[in-house]
Amino acid sequence: MKAIVYTKYGSPDVLHFEEVEKPAPKEDEVLVKVHAASINAGDLETLRGDWPSRFGGPFRPQHKIPGTDVAGRVEAIGVNVKGFQPGDEVWGDLSFPYGFGSFAEYVSVSEDALALKPASMTFEQAATYPHSAIIVLQNLRDKGHIKPGKKVLINGAGGGMGTFAVQIAKYYGAEVTGVDSESKFDILRSIGADHAIDYTQEDYTKTGQRYDFILDVVAHRSVFDYRRALSPEGIFVIVGGSFSTFLQVITLGTLISRRGSEKISLNVWDQNNKEDLALLAELFESGKVVPVIDRRYPLREVPEALRYLAGGHPLGKLVITVADNNQT
């Protein structure tokens, strides 16, 4: 089978499109013929060997085929698999601890990483949800307790995760401010953002506005800047950003959260939660949360997709088409 392979950390240049051995499912695994995958910021971080990746592979990648989001069709199952049959259409998030591997024609993975794909979604649409949408859903709903009247700010609102965050926050009735470049304002407003801030012209932590919940996917400021932008009992959650900001959130953010009314914390999520995937399917079918897809790339062009992501320009998700038929 064809796959994107890498054996050392680095830029997208270290990725190679190669012929590799097709996997066989173990006793508790499902062999999936991949129809589509999608690109996440975490894929770029794993490729570069940013600090979380080094836990499993301190000097070289632990898994040679990258890729997290997957949508495809079950081709074979292990003898202990109970939840799936060959022919089932599935979607899932293959990030840690499930071994990655969605940038390939086939992947063999634990059945716990998969759920039945909604029949109403194409494979391309389904591949955009499992990582990004689950993360923002659980943080907004479970950590932020978003409800009508709450003021929510999404930094990086025009990207793959941000466009889901805007829609989900609006679903729960929030007043939403999206922060991104001005070129993305039209799409932000079309998916429900009430306000938009151009980060090249204005620092949202210095406007004097305060928010009940801030979800930042590109955090790089001091935690004291974020605290200044929070309302009393407001919550800040970092999903992505610089290593120095992560360290500040873990250390100073923990102290602020213990001693003050504001909460500054890391993103947490319950990966591949079946009930939440079902909820996202319902929101898709009702038109309340739909994927914003910027570009589609064939499997061999994963390196180019990651270069585009690294440039900071994507407007929504980047989808990798693998099998010829990307429709249900």
Foldseek 3Di string as FASTA:
>chain_A
DWAWFAWAADALVRIATDDDDQDDAAQQKWKWQFFKAWDDPVQRCCRNVPPVQCVCPVTTGNATGAGFKTWGFTCDHHNNYDPDDGGFTKIFTCPPPFRHHNLGRMDMTGCLGIDGDDQVDWRQQRNLDQPQLQLLLCCCCPVLVQAAPFEEEEELLQEANNVSNLLNSVVRRYQYEYEDAPVLVVVSVVLPHPHYHDVVVDDLLPPQAAGQEYEYAADDDAVVSVVSRHDQLHEYEYAHHDPVNVVRCVPVQVVCVVPGSYHRHYGDGDGPDVVVSVVVVVCVVVVRGGFDEQEEAESRCPSVVSVVVVVVDDRHIYMYGYDPGRGD
